[in-house]
């Protein structure tokens, strides 16, 4: 067996070209060093040194092995340093999932600051619905997700609030209520609604339906869409109204207007939470540094 210690001993002799000096460099006696080199030569089936009483030199095979041994030591040293950096959360990679950027409007700033602070960490980004993100995190395919509250109990899923925003109603620009400064939700009882599918985010879906029921009606679903920008696009096309987070309303779009809603409902139902979630069972120093970076972000950053 040719182990790393044997290579280290060989490199010392090859660089010193003197067994006694090499032994001193390695803090060992000369006879065990000479025996180790003979074992290495026997294992390789070739002489590595030309020895006489006055001189020690490398054979061609020895010179070739010296190059390999140095590269092996350098690779090992780099690997050890990388391992230490990963253990400290300074290197490695994490996969971050998110809703579309218009919803997670703080995410670009978070990513920019984290990359500047930790350039050794590779960030992999995946867009997905809340349900898709939960599945990826629990299954180990993602480390952190930015999503709405799942609306179901997910064992071991840690959740932390990132932002809370009011709900707005999106209306076609020519809708009869579009010119009002605010819209009573009950006035939309006969209007069709564009919603996201429940299986892609039951928490958000059920919250919207719950608000409508508090306003005294069950909404008629005119169309469904996975992404919020698609929902807004369908509203602009005249398919119906939609209840959306205020961050979506901040992005102007032709053919659609956004208005505050009026309905008697608990404050929690009148707002949508953006949360970050991760698997509490899985240890990851790099992920933990990312979570800390998010926590340090101010609302106006």
C-alpha atoms as a PDB file:
ATOM      1  CA  UNK A   1       0.000   0.000   0.000  1.00  0.00           C
ATOM      2  CA  UNK A   2       1.252   3.479  -0.916  1.00  0.00           C
ATOM      3  CA  UNK A   3      -0.212   5.852   1.629  1.00  0.00           C
ATOM      4  CA  UNK A   4       0.108   9.618   1.997  1.00  0.00           C
ATOM      5  CA  UNK A   5       2.708   9.348   4.729  1.00  0.00           C
ATOM      6  CA  UNK A   6       4.919   7.274   2.431  1.00  0.00           C
ATOM      7  CA  UNK A   7       4.538   9.878  -0.320  1.00  0.00           C
ATOM      8  CA  UNK A   8       5.411  12.627   2.152  1.00  0.00           C
ATOM      9  CA  UNK A   9       8.591  10.768   3.100  1.00  0.00           C
ATOM     10  CA  UNK A  10       9.473  10.265  -0.562  1.00  0.00           C
ATOM     11  CA  UNK A  11       8.982  13.984  -1.338  1.00  0.00           C
ATOM     12  CA  UNK A  12      11.276  14.963   1.557  1.00  0.00           C
ATOM     13  CA  UNK A  13      14.091  12.732   0.293  1.00  0.00           C
ATOM     14  CA  UNK A  14      13.516  13.795  -3.339  1.00  0.00           C
ATOM     15  CA  UNK A  15      13.718  17.485  -2.437  1.00  0.00           C
ATOM     16  CA  UNK A  16      16.634  17.220  -0.020  1.00  0.00           C
ATOM     17  CA  UNK A  17      18.495  14.524  -1.992  1.00  0.00           C
ATOM     18  CA  UNK A  18      19.988  13.613   1.350  1.00  0.00           C
ATOM     19  CA  UNK A  19      18.518  10.972   3.660  1.00  0.00           C
ATOM     20  CA  UNK A  20      19.844  12.479   6.879  1.00  0.00           C
ATOM     21  CA  UNK A  21      18.505  15.982   6.130  1.00  0.00           C
ATOM     22  CA  UNK A  22      15.202  14.512   4.993  1.00  0.00           C
ATOM     23  CA  UNK A  23      14.921  12.544   8.252  1.00  0.00           C
ATOM     24  CA  UNK A  24      15.551  15.704  10.265  1.00  0.00           C
ATOM     25  CA  UNK A  25      12.911  17.541   8.228  1.00  0.00           C
ATOM     26  CA  UNK A  26      10.426  14.765   8.992  1.00  0.00           C
ATOM     27  CA  UNK A  27      11.462  14.573  12.660  1.00  0.00           C
ATOM     28  CA  UNK A  28      12.333  10.887  12.415  1.00  0.00           C
ATOM     29  CA  UNK A  29      15.410   8.696  12.490  1.00  0.00           C
ATOM     30  CA  UNK A  30      17.248   7.953   9.240  1.00  0.00           C
ATOM     31  CA  UNK A  31      17.047   4.118   9.278  1.00  0.00           C
ATOM     32  CA  UNK A  32      13.189   3.990   9.314  1.00  0.00           C
ATOM     33  CA  UNK A  33      13.161   6.563   6.492  1.00  0.00           C
ATOM     34  CA  UNK A  34      15.538   4.471   4.392  1.00  0.00           C
ATOM     35  CA  UNK A  35      13.357   1.414   5.036  1.00  0.00           C
ATOM     36  CA  UNK A  36      10.242   3.324   4.007  1.00  0.00           C
ATOM     37  CA  UNK A  37      11.803   4.343   0.679  1.00  0.00           C
ATOM     38  CA  UNK A  38      12.861   0.748   0.024  1.00  0.00           C
ATOM     39  CA  UNK A  39       9.247  -0.383   0.697  1.00  0.00           C
ATOM     40  CA  UNK A  40       7.979   2.234  -1.755  1.00  0.00           C
ATOM     41  CA  UNK A  41      10.443   1.102  -4.431  1.00  0.00           C
ATOM     42  CA  UNK A  42       9.461  -2.510  -3.843  1.00  0.00           C
ATOM     43  CA  UNK A  43       5.775  -1.659  -4.142  1.00  0.00           C
ATOM     44  CA  UNK A  44       6.392   0.169  -7.451  1.00  0.00           C
ATOM     45  CA  UNK A  45       8.855  -2.404  -8.751  1.00  0.00           C
ATOM     46  CA  UNK A  46      11.454   0.195  -9.700  1.00  0.00           C
ATOM     47  CA  UNK A  47      14.277   2.224  -8.220  1.00  0.00           C
ATOM     48  CA  UNK A  48      13.435   5.847  -7.391  1.00  0.00           C
ATOM     49  CA  UNK A  49      16.911   6.988  -6.339  1.00  0.00           C
ATOM     50  CA  UNK A  50      20.476   6.414  -7.425  1.00  0.00           C
ATOM     51  CA  UNK A  51      22.501   6.118  -4.229  1.00  0.00           C
ATOM     52  CA  UNK A  52      26.180   6.091  -3.503  1.00  0.00           C
ATOM     53  CA  UNK A  53      28.277   7.211  -0.557  1.00  0.00           C
ATOM     54  CA  UNK A  54      28.561  10.782  -1.838  1.00  0.00           C
ATOM     55  CA  UNK A  55      25.461  11.420  -3.850  1.00  0.00           C
ATOM     56  CA  UNK A  56      21.707  10.757  -4.032  1.00  0.00           C
ATOM     57  CA  UNK A  57      19.794  11.555  -7.217  1.00  0.00           C
ATOM     58  CA  UNK A  58      16.412  10.780  -8.711  1.00  0.00           C
ATOM     59  CA  UNK A  59      15.930   8.187 -11.396  1.00  0.00           C
ATOM     60  CA  UNK A  60      13.540   9.097 -14.256  1.00  0.00           C
ATOM     61  CA  UNK A  61      10.841   7.103 -12.455  1.00  0.00           C
ATOM     62  CA  UNK A  62      11.596   9.020  -9.266  1.00  0.00           C
ATOM     63  CA  UNK A  63      11.283  12.364 -11.046  1.00  0.00           C
ATOM     64  CA  UNK A  64       7.921  11.304 -12.462  1.00  0.00           C
ATOM     65  CA  UNK A  65       6.694  10.207  -9.046  1.00  0.00           C
ATOM     66  CA  UNK A  66       7.843  13.481  -7.467  1.00  0.00           C
ATOM     67  CA  UNK A  67       5.575  15.429  -9.831  1.00  0.00           C
ATOM     68  CA  UNK A  68       2.636  13.142  -9.042  1.00  0.00           C
ATOM     69  CA  UNK A  69       3.309  13.275  -5.294  1.00  0.00           C
ATOM     70  CA  UNK A  70       3.451  17.078  -5.237  1.00  0.00           C
ATOM     71  CA  UNK A  71       0.174  17.358  -7.153  1.00  0.00           C
ATOM     72  CA  UNK A  72      -1.414  14.800  -4.831  1.00  0.00           C
ATOM     73  CA  UNK A  73      -0.332  16.755  -1.762  1.00  0.00           C
ATOM     74  CA  UNK A  74      -1.599  20.029  -3.249  1.00  0.00           C
ATOM     75  CA  UNK A  75      -4.948  18.458  -4.138  1.00  0.00           C
ATOM     76  CA  UNK A  76      -5.286  17.032  -0.644  1.00  0.00           C
ATOM     77  CA  UNK A  77      -4.372  20.376   0.942  1.00  0.00           C
ATOM     78  CA  UNK A  78      -6.940  22.189  -1.202  1.00  0.00           C
ATOM     79  CA  UNK A  79      -9.533  19.551  -0.378  1.00  0.00           C
ATOM     80  CA  UNK A  80      -8.923  19.856   3.348  1.00  0.00           C
ATOM     81  CA  UNK A  81      -9.207  23.660   3.179  1.00  0.00           C
ATOM     82  CA  UNK A  82     -12.423  23.396   1.139  1.00  0.00           C
ATOM     83  CA  UNK A  83     -13.821  20.923   3.668  1.00  0.00           C
ATOM     84  CA  UNK A  84     -13.075  23.333   6.496  1.00  0.00           C
ATOM     85  CA  UNK A  85     -14.742  26.196   4.615  1.00  0.00           C
ATOM     86  CA  UNK A  86     -17.837  24.091   3.943  1.00  0.00           C
ATOM     87  CA  UNK A  87     -17.995  23.107   7.611  1.00  0.00           C
ATOM     88  CA  UNK A  88     -17.844  26.812   8.496  1.00  0.00           C
ATOM     89  CA  UNK A  89     -20.547  27.688   5.955  1.00  0.00           C
ATOM     90  CA  UNK A  90     -18.100  29.690   3.808  1.00  0.00           C
ATOM     91  CA  UNK A  91     -18.158  27.396   0.780  1.00  0.00           C
ATOM     92  CA  UNK A  92     -20.297  24.755  -0.864  1.00  0.00           C
ATOM     93  CA  UNK A  93     -23.672  25.264  -2.455  1.00  0.00           C
ATOM     94  CA  UNK A  94     -27.300  25.786  -1.484  1.00  0.00           C
ATOM     95  CA  UNK A  95     -30.467  25.535  -3.528  1.00  0.00           C
ATOM     96  CA  UNK A  96     -33.020  28.299  -2.975  1.00  0.00           C
ATOM     97  CA  UNK A  97     -36.594  27.944  -4.231  1.00  0.00           C
ATOM     98  CA  UNK A  98     -38.961  30.863  -4.625  1.00  0.00           C
ATOM     99  CA  UNK A  99     -42.252  32.090  -5.976  1.00  0.00           C
ATOM    100  CA  UNK A 100     -42.011  34.325  -9.029  1.00  0.00           C
ATOM    101  CA  UNK A 101     -39.765  37.338  -8.400  1.00  0.00           C
ATOM    102  CA  UNK A 102     -42.659  39.800  -8.457  1.00  0.00           C
ATOM    103  CA  UNK A 103     -44.039  38.125  -5.320  1.00  0.00           C
ATOM    104  CA  UNK A 104     -40.718  37.605  -3.548  1.00  0.00           C
ATOM    105  CA  UNK A 105     -39.619  41.173  -4.328  1.00  0.00           C
ATOM    106  CA  UNK A 106     -36.996  41.188  -1.545  1.00  0.00           C
ATOM    107  CA  UNK A 107     -35.237  38.122  -2.887  1.00  0.00           C
ATOM    108  CA  UNK A 108     -32.980  39.865  -5.465  1.00  0.00           C
ATOM    109  CA  UNK A 109     -31.495  42.099  -2.760  1.00  0.00           C
ATOM    110  CA  UNK A 110     -31.010  39.111  -0.454  1.00  0.00           C
ATOM    111  CA  UNK A 111     -29.229  37.129  -3.158  1.00  0.00           C
ATOM    112  CA  UNK A 112     -27.044  40.076  -4.159  1.00  0.00           C
ATOM    113  CA  UNK A 113     -25.866  40.735  -0.606  1.00  0.00           C
ATOM    114  CA  UNK A 114     -25.280  37.066   0.190  1.00  0.00           C
ATOM    115  CA  UNK A 115     -23.197  36.542  -2.950  1.00  0.00           C
ATOM    116  CA  UNK A 116     -21.086  39.598  -2.085  1.00  0.00           C
ATOM    117  CA  UNK A 117     -20.513  38.386   1.486  1.00  0.00           C
ATOM    118  CA  UNK A 118     -19.947  34.703   0.615  1.00  0.00           C
ATOM    119  CA  UNK A 119     -18.483  34.465  -2.894  1.00  0.00           C
ATOM    120  CA  UNK A 120     -17.375  30.894  -2.234  1.00  0.00           C
ATOM    121  CA  UNK A 121     -20.965  29.650  -1.951  1.00  0.00           C
ATOM    122  CA  UNK A 122     -22.737  28.595  -5.130  1.00  0.00           C
ATOM    123  CA  UNK A 123     -26.405  29.606  -5.180  1.00  0.00           C
ATOM    124  CA  UNK A 124     -28.778  27.483  -7.224  1.00  0.00           C
ATOM    125  CA  UNK A 125     -32.223  28.964  -7.844  1.00  0.00           C
ATOM    126  CA  UNK A 126     -35.473  27.164  -8.618  1.00  0.00           C
ATOM    127  CA  UNK A 127     -38.857  28.770  -9.195  1.00  0.00           C
ATOM    128  CA  UNK A 128     -41.899  26.895  -7.943  1.00  0.00           C
ATOM    129  CA  UNK A 129     -45.269  27.028  -6.269  1.00  0.00           C
ATOM    130  CA  UNK A 130     -45.579  26.669  -2.499  1.00  0.00           C
ATOM    131  CA  UNK A 131     -46.442  22.966  -2.757  1.00  0.00           C
ATOM    132  CA  UNK A 132     -43.547  22.307  -5.126  1.00  0.00           C
ATOM    133  CA  UNK A 133     -41.152  24.092  -2.800  1.00  0.00           C
ATOM    134  CA  UNK A 134     -42.309  22.156   0.252  1.00  0.00           C
ATOM    135  CA  UNK A 135     -41.849  18.897  -1.642  1.00  0.00           C
ATOM    136  CA  UNK A 136     -38.334  19.912  -2.736  1.00  0.00           C
ATOM    137  CA  UNK A 137     -37.281  20.930   0.781  1.00  0.00           C
ATOM    138  CA  UNK A 138     -38.681  17.851   2.522  1.00  0.00           C
ATOM    139  CA  UNK A 139     -37.195  15.634  -0.190  1.00  0.00           C
ATOM    140  CA  UNK A 140     -33.746  17.172   0.158  1.00  0.00           C
ATOM    141  CA  UNK A 141     -33.679  18.765  -3.318  1.00  0.00           C
ATOM    142  CA  UNK A 142     -33.724  22.315  -1.907  1.00  0.00           C
ATOM    143  CA  UNK A 143     -32.293  23.988   1.195  1.00  0.00           C
ATOM    144  CA  UNK A 144     -34.431  27.116   1.632  1.00  0.00           C
ATOM    145  CA  UNK A 145     -37.724  28.191   0.110  1.00  0.00           C
ATOM    146  CA  UNK A 146     -39.533  31.534  -0.133  1.00  0.00           C
ATOM    147  CA  UNK A 147     -43.243  30.802  -0.265  1.00  0.00           C
ATOM    148  CA  UNK A 148     -46.692  31.401   1.153  1.00  0.00           C
ATOM    149  CA  UNK A 149     -47.786  29.540   4.250  1.00  0.00           C
ATOM    150  CA  UNK A 150     -48.427  25.939   3.164  1.00  0.00           C
ATOM    151  CA  UNK A 151     -51.854  25.730   4.801  1.00  0.00           C
ATOM    152  CA  UNK A 152     -51.103  22.170   5.941  1.00  0.00           C
ATOM    153  CA  UNK A 153     -48.962  20.695   8.709  1.00  0.00           C
ATOM    154  CA  UNK A 154     -45.586  19.601   7.337  1.00  0.00           C
ATOM    155  CA  UNK A 155     -43.498  17.696   9.922  1.00  0.00           C
ATOM    156  CA  UNK A 156     -39.995  19.107  10.495  1.00  0.00           C
ATOM    157  CA  UNK A 157     -40.614  22.114   8.217  1.00  0.00           C
ATOM    158  CA  UNK A 158     -39.265  25.205   9.982  1.00  0.00           C
ATOM    159  CA  UNK A 159     -40.980  28.457   9.031  1.00  0.00           C
ATOM    160  CA  UNK A 160     -39.997  32.085   9.572  1.00  0.00           C
ATOM    161  CA  UNK A 161     -41.833  35.235   8.483  1.00  0.00           C
ATOM    162  CA  UNK A 162     -40.003  37.387   5.928  1.00  0.00           C
ATOM    163  CA  UNK A 163     -42.659  39.933   4.953  1.00  0.00           C
ATOM    164  CA  UNK A 164     -46.369  40.604   5.360  1.00  0.00           C
ATOM    165  CA  UNK A 165     -48.335  42.514   2.734  1.00  0.00           C
ATOM    166  CA  UNK A 166     -51.969  43.532   2.289  1.00  0.00           C
ATOM    167  CA  UNK A 167     -54.256  41.876  -0.234  1.00  0.00           C
ATOM    168  CA  UNK A 168     -55.463  43.874  -3.227  1.00  0.00           C
ATOM    169  CA  UNK A 169     -58.115  43.141  -5.815  1.00  0.00           C
ATOM    170  CA  UNK A 170     -57.048  43.114  -9.452  1.00  0.00           C
ATOM    171  CA  UNK A 171     -59.773  44.219 -11.850  1.00  0.00           C
ATOM    172  CA  UNK A 172     -59.971  44.620 -15.618  1.00  0.00           C
ATOM    173  CA  UNK A 173     -59.496  48.295 -16.397  1.00  0.00           C
ATOM    174  CA  UNK A 174     -63.017  48.558 -17.830  1.00  0.00           C
ATOM    175  CA  UNK A 175     -64.715  46.833 -14.881  1.00  0.00           C
ATOM    176  CA  UNK A 176     -67.598  48.835 -13.361  1.00  0.00           C
ATOM    177  CA  UNK A 177     -65.770  49.040 -10.004  1.00  0.00           C
ATOM    178  CA  UNK A 178     -62.329  49.923 -11.419  1.00  0.00           C
ATOM    179  CA  UNK A 179     -62.702  53.657 -10.773  1.00  0.00           C
ATOM    180  CA  UNK A 180     -63.449  53.285  -7.068  1.00  0.00           C
ATOM    181  CA  UNK A 181     -60.602  54.047  -4.639  1.00  0.00           C
ATOM    182  CA  UNK A 182     -61.446  50.823  -2.774  1.00  0.00           C
ATOM    183  CA  UNK A 183     -63.760  47.920  -3.560  1.00  0.00           C
ATOM    184  CA  UNK A 184     -66.223  46.193  -1.223  1.00  0.00           C
ATOM    185  CA  UNK A 185     -65.484  42.522  -1.681  1.00  0.00           C
ATOM    186  CA  UNK A 186     -69.210  41.746  -1.508  1.00  0.00           C
ATOM    187  CA  UNK A 187     -69.696  43.793  -4.697  1.00  0.00           C
ATOM    188  CA  UNK A 188     -67.764  41.108  -6.603  1.00  0.00           C
ATOM    189  CA  UNK A 189     -70.208  38.323  -5.753  1.00  0.00           C
ATOM    190  CA  UNK A 190     -71.314  37.970  -9.384  1.00  0.00           C
ATOM    191  CA  UNK A 191     -67.841  38.445 -10.874  1.00  0.00           C
ATOM    192  CA  UNK A 192     -65.769  35.448 -11.927  1.00  0.00           C
ATOM    193  CA  UNK A 193     -62.411  34.986 -10.194  1.00  0.00           C
ATOM    194  CA  UNK A 194     -58.999  33.972 -11.485  1.00  0.00           C
ATOM    195  CA  UNK A 195     -57.259  31.873  -8.817  1.00  0.00           C
ATOM    196  CA  UNK A 196     -54.221  29.680  -8.329  1.00  0.00           C
ATOM    197  CA  UNK A 197     -54.924  25.925  -8.094  1.00  0.00           C
ATOM    198  CA  UNK A 198     -55.377  24.722  -4.534  1.00  0.00           C
ATOM    199  CA  UNK A 199     -52.972  21.823  -4.983  1.00  0.00           C
ATOM    200  CA  UNK A 200     -50.175  24.323  -5.765  1.00  0.00           C
ATOM    201  CA  UNK A 201     -50.721  26.344  -2.591  1.00  0.00           C
ATOM    202  CA  UNK A 202     -53.645  25.410  -0.330  1.00  0.00           C
ATOM    203  CA  UNK A 203     -52.897  28.124   2.248  1.00  0.00           C
ATOM    204  CA  UNK A 204     -53.205  31.038  -0.183  1.00  0.00           C
ATOM    205  CA  UNK A 205     -56.100  29.451  -2.077  1.00  0.00           C
ATOM    206  CA  UNK A 206     -58.135  28.800   1.078  1.00  0.00           C
ATOM    207  CA  UNK A 207     -57.419  32.296   2.410  1.00  0.00           C
ATOM    208  CA  UNK A 208     -58.879  33.881  -0.734  1.00  0.00           C
ATOM    209  CA  UNK A 209     -61.972  31.682  -0.607  1.00  0.00           C
ATOM    210  CA  UNK A 210     -62.347  32.392   3.119  1.00  0.00           C
ATOM    211  CA  UNK A 211     -62.361  36.144   2.508  1.00  0.00           C
ATOM    212  CA  UNK A 212     -65.073  35.780  -0.111  1.00  0.00           C
ATOM    213  CA  UNK A 213     -67.195  33.713   2.269  1.00  0.00           C
ATOM    214  CA  UNK A 214     -66.809  36.380   4.954  1.00  0.00           C
ATOM    215  CA  UNK A 215     -68.108  38.832   2.331  1.00  0.00           C
ATOM    216  CA  UNK A 216     -71.168  36.622   1.944  1.00  0.00           C
ATOM    217  CA  UNK A 217     -70.535  34.641  -1.223  1.00  0.00           C
ATOM    218  CA  UNK A 218     -68.648  31.697  -2.702  1.00  0.00           C
ATOM    219  CA  UNK A 219     -66.560  32.875  -5.654  1.00  0.00           C
ATOM    220  CA  UNK A 220     -67.145  31.533  -9.131  1.00  0.00           C
ATOM    221  CA  UNK A 221     -63.798  30.325 -10.472  1.00  0.00           C
ATOM    222  CA  UNK A 222     -63.535  31.547 -14.049  1.00  0.00           C
ATOM    223  CA  UNK A 223     -59.931  30.468 -14.654  1.00  0.00           C
ATOM    224  CA  UNK A 224     -56.909  29.046 -12.850  1.00  0.00           C
ATOM    225  CA  UNK A 225     -53.214  29.853 -13.294  1.00  0.00           C
ATOM    226  CA  UNK A 226     -50.060  28.635 -11.532  1.00  0.00           C
ATOM    227  CA  UNK A 227     -48.106  31.905 -11.414  1.00  0.00           C
ATOM    228  CA  UNK A 228     -49.256  35.272 -10.109  1.00  0.00           C
ATOM    229  CA  UNK A 229     -48.212  37.187 -13.212  1.00  0.00           C
ATOM    230  CA  UNK A 230     -50.304  34.817 -15.307  1.00  0.00           C
ATOM    231  CA  UNK A 231     -53.241  35.473 -12.976  1.00  0.00           C
ATOM    232  CA  UNK A 232     -52.822  39.216 -13.540  1.00  0.00           C
ATOM    233  CA  UNK A 233     -52.523  38.701 -17.272  1.00  0.00           C
ATOM    234  CA  UNK A 234     -55.815  36.819 -17.350  1.00  0.00           C
ATOM    235  CA  UNK A 235     -57.463  39.626 -15.379  1.00  0.00           C
ATOM    236  CA  UNK A 236     -56.155  42.136 -17.921  1.00  0.00           C
ATOM    237  CA  UNK A 237     -57.623  39.927 -20.668  1.00  0.00           C
ATOM    238  CA  UNK A 238     -61.032  40.188 -19.038  1.00  0.00           C
ATOM    239  CA  UNK A 239     -61.384  36.708 -17.560  1.00  0.00           C
ATOM    240  CA  UNK A 240     -62.406  38.046 -14.149  1.00  0.00           C
ATOM    241  CA  UNK A 241     -61.091  39.554 -10.907  1.00  0.00           C
ATOM    242  CA  UNK A 242     -58.358  38.264  -8.629  1.00  0.00           C
ATOM    243  CA  UNK A 243     -57.130  38.776  -5.084  1.00  0.00           C
ATOM    244  CA  UNK A 244     -53.385  39.287  -5.098  1.00  0.00           C
ATOM    245  CA  UNK A 245     -50.600  40.470  -2.763  1.00  0.00           C
ATOM    246  CA  UNK A 246     -49.699  44.163  -2.826  1.00  0.00           C
ATOM    247  CA  UNK A 247     -46.229  43.423  -4.250  1.00  0.00           C
ATOM    248  CA  UNK A 248     -47.899  42.240  -7.440  1.00  0.00           C
ATOM    249  CA  UNK A 249     -49.983  45.414  -7.519  1.00  0.00           C
ATOM    250  CA  UNK A 250     -46.770  47.466  -7.380  1.00  0.00           C
ATOM    251  CA  UNK A 251     -45.888  46.281 -10.894  1.00  0.00           C
ATOM    252  CA  UNK A 252     -47.889  48.284 -13.424  1.00  0.00           C
ATOM    253  CA  UNK A 253     -49.600  46.345 -16.185  1.00  0.00           C
ATOM    254  CA  UNK A 254     -51.730  47.578 -19.040  1.00  0.00           C
ATOM    255  CA  UNK A 255     -55.413  46.691 -18.842  1.00  0.00           C
ATOM    256  CA  UNK A 256     -55.590  45.992 -15.099  1.00  0.00           C
ATOM    257  CA  UNK A 257     -56.057  48.115 -11.979  1.00  0.00           C
ATOM    258  CA  UNK A 258     -55.432  47.236  -8.334  1.00  0.00           C
ATOM    259  CA  UNK A 259     -57.542  48.451  -5.444  1.00  0.00           C
ATOM    260  CA  UNK A 260     -57.728  47.904  -1.664  1.00  0.00           C
ATOM    261  CA  UNK A 261     -60.596  45.673  -0.575  1.00  0.00           C
ATOM    262  CA  UNK A 262     -63.212  46.333   2.081  1.00  0.00           C
ATOM    263  CA  UNK A 263     -64.433  43.343   4.067  1.00  0.00           C
ATOM    264  CA  UNK A 264     -64.932  42.603   7.747  1.00  0.00           C
ATOM    265  CA  UNK A 265     -62.219  40.036   8.407  1.00  0.00           C
ATOM    266  CA  UNK A 266     -59.380  39.328  10.845  1.00  0.00           C
ATOM    267  CA  UNK A 267     -56.164  41.178  10.048  1.00  0.00           C
ATOM    268  CA  UNK A 268     -54.325  37.924   9.329  1.00  0.00           C
ATOM    269  CA  UNK A 269     -56.789  37.144   6.554  1.00  0.00           C
ATOM    270  CA  UNK A 270     -56.391  40.589   5.010  1.00  0.00           C
ATOM    271  CA  UNK A 271     -52.661  40.102   4.603  1.00  0.00           C
ATOM    272  CA  UNK A 272     -50.445  37.532   2.885  1.00  0.00           C
ATOM    273  CA  UNK A 273     -47.268  36.265   4.486  1.00  0.00           C
ATOM    274  CA  UNK A 274     -44.059  35.577   2.619  1.00  0.00           C
ATOM    275  CA  UNK A 275     -42.110  33.019   4.620  1.00  0.00           C
ATOM    276  CA  UNK A 276     -38.811  31.241   4.333  1.00  0.00           C
ATOM    277  CA  UNK A 277     -38.867  27.538   5.116  1.00  0.00           C
ATOM    278  CA  UNK A 278     -36.265  24.822   5.578  1.00  0.00           C
ATOM    279  CA  UNK A 279     -35.942  21.261   6.876  1.00  0.00           C
ATOM    280  CA  UNK A 280     -35.128  21.497  10.584  1.00  0.00           C
ATOM    281  CA  UNK A 281     -33.758  17.934  10.567  1.00  0.00           C
ATOM    282  CA  UNK A 282     -30.986  18.677   8.109  1.00  0.00           C
ATOM    283  CA  UNK A 283     -27.813  20.377   9.350  1.00  0.00           C
ATOM    284  CA  UNK A 284     -26.179  22.852   6.955  1.00  0.00           C
ATOM    285  CA  UNK A 285     -23.795  25.600   8.110  1.00  0.00           C
ATOM    286  CA  UNK A 286     -24.013  27.241   4.659  1.00  0.00           C
ATOM    287  CA  UNK A 287     -27.806  27.299   4.768  1.00  0.00           C
ATOM    288  CA  UNK A 288     -27.693  28.729   8.287  1.00  0.00           C
ATOM    289  CA  UNK A 289     -25.481  31.584   7.090  1.00  0.00           C
ATOM    290  CA  UNK A 290     -28.029  32.285   4.356  1.00  0.00           C
ATOM    291  CA  UNK A 291     -30.862  32.341   6.909  1.00  0.00           C
ATOM    292  CA  UNK A 292     -28.884  34.778   9.066  1.00  0.00           C
ATOM    293  CA  UNK A 293     -28.321  37.015   6.043  1.00  0.00           C
ATOM    294  CA  UNK A 294     -32.079  37.143   5.443  1.00  0.00           C
ATOM    295  CA  UNK A 295     -32.757  37.958   9.102  1.00  0.00           C
ATOM    296  CA  UNK A 296     -30.325  40.873   8.979  1.00  0.00           C
ATOM    297  CA  UNK A 297     -32.076  42.431   5.985  1.00  0.00           C
ATOM    298  CA  UNK A 298     -34.135  45.499   6.878  1.00  0.00           C
ATOM    299  CA  UNK A 299     -37.596  45.900   5.326  1.00  0.00           C
ATOM    300  CA  UNK A 300     -36.433  48.825   3.200  1.00  0.00           C
ATOM    301  CA  UNK A 301     -33.190  47.181   1.992  1.00  0.00           C
END
